[in-house]
Protein backbone atom coordinates (compact mmCIF):
# COMPACT_ATOMS: atom_id res chain seq x y z
CA UNK A 1 85.52 27.70 -59.51
CA UNK A 2 88.17 25.37 -58.08
CA UNK A 3 87.07 21.82 -57.32
CA UNK A 4 87.65 20.73 -53.74
CA UNK A 5 87.67 17.31 -52.19
CA UNK A 6 85.88 16.45 -48.96
CA UNK A 7 89.10 16.70 -46.94
CA UNK A 8 89.52 20.29 -48.03
CA UNK A 9 85.93 21.16 -47.15
CA UNK A 10 86.11 19.54 -43.72
CA UNK A 11 89.75 19.36 -42.63
CA UNK A 12 88.80 18.41 -39.06
CA UNK A 13 87.26 15.08 -40.05
CA UNK A 14 83.92 13.55 -39.11
CA UNK A 15 82.16 14.65 -35.95
CA UNK A 16 81.29 11.64 -33.81
CA UNK A 17 79.73 10.72 -30.48
CA UNK A 18 79.61 7.35 -28.77
CA UNK A 19 76.35 5.41 -28.64
CA UNK A 20 76.72 5.28 -24.85
CA UNK A 21 77.09 9.05 -24.51
CA UNK A 22 74.10 10.96 -23.19
CA UNK A 23 72.10 13.11 -25.57
CA UNK A 24 73.16 16.11 -23.47
CA UNK A 25 76.84 15.29 -24.08
CA UNK A 26 76.15 14.83 -27.79
CA UNK A 27 74.35 18.18 -28.04
CA UNK A 28 77.21 19.89 -26.18
CA UNK A 29 79.63 18.47 -28.76
CA UNK A 30 77.39 19.57 -31.64
CA UNK A 31 77.22 23.12 -30.26
CA UNK A 32 80.98 23.25 -29.61
CA UNK A 33 81.67 22.11 -33.19
CA UNK A 34 78.95 24.24 -34.78
CA UNK A 35 77.23 21.29 -36.47
CA UNK A 36 73.66 20.00 -36.53
CA UNK A 37 74.46 16.32 -37.08
CA UNK A 38 76.98 13.88 -35.65
CA UNK A 39 77.77 10.26 -36.42
CA UNK A 40 76.91 7.81 -33.63
CA UNK A 41 79.66 5.21 -33.33
CA UNK A 42 80.29 2.08 -31.30
CA UNK A 43 84.04 1.74 -31.34
CA UNK A 44 84.98 1.94 -35.00
CA UNK A 45 81.51 0.99 -36.26
CA UNK A 46 79.01 3.55 -37.48
CA UNK A 47 75.64 2.88 -35.84
CA UNK A 48 73.67 5.90 -37.06
CA UNK A 49 73.41 9.65 -36.86
CA UNK A 50 72.02 12.12 -34.36
CA UNK A 51 70.53 15.40 -35.54
CA UNK A 52 69.16 18.42 -33.73
CA UNK A 53 65.74 17.56 -35.20
CA UNK A 54 65.89 14.08 -33.65
CA UNK A 55 66.83 15.56 -30.27
CA UNK A 56 63.91 17.97 -30.42
CA UNK A 57 61.29 15.49 -31.61
CA UNK A 58 62.38 12.26 -29.91
CA UNK A 59 63.77 13.55 -26.64
CA UNK A 60 62.55 17.01 -25.69
CA UNK A 61 59.01 16.88 -27.11
CA UNK A 62 58.48 13.48 -25.49
CA UNK A 63 59.49 14.90 -22.11
CA UNK A 64 62.65 12.81 -21.78
CA UNK A 65 65.73 14.04 -19.93
CA UNK A 66 68.69 14.56 -22.32
CA UNK A 67 71.06 14.14 -19.37
CA UNK A 68 69.93 10.53 -18.88
CA UNK A 69 68.88 9.38 -22.38
CA UNK A 70 71.68 7.61 -24.25
CA UNK A 71 72.40 8.29 -27.93
CA UNK A 72 71.69 4.63 -28.72
CA UNK A 73 68.10 5.06 -27.52
């Protein structure tokens, strides 16, 4: 089996959303890219990650509106 580096496995690069984006916008990006996690960034600084599990448990199950909740929340 040939060894591959990360760049070969993911030639597109990291999938990111801004901390001021809405959760709805972040989920749309995740669906468009076919991923279940994105990096939350503030400019060039990594602030955390957002996963589909977090969206389900911290937004939807708590009755919050993904169109108004920001990723930073």
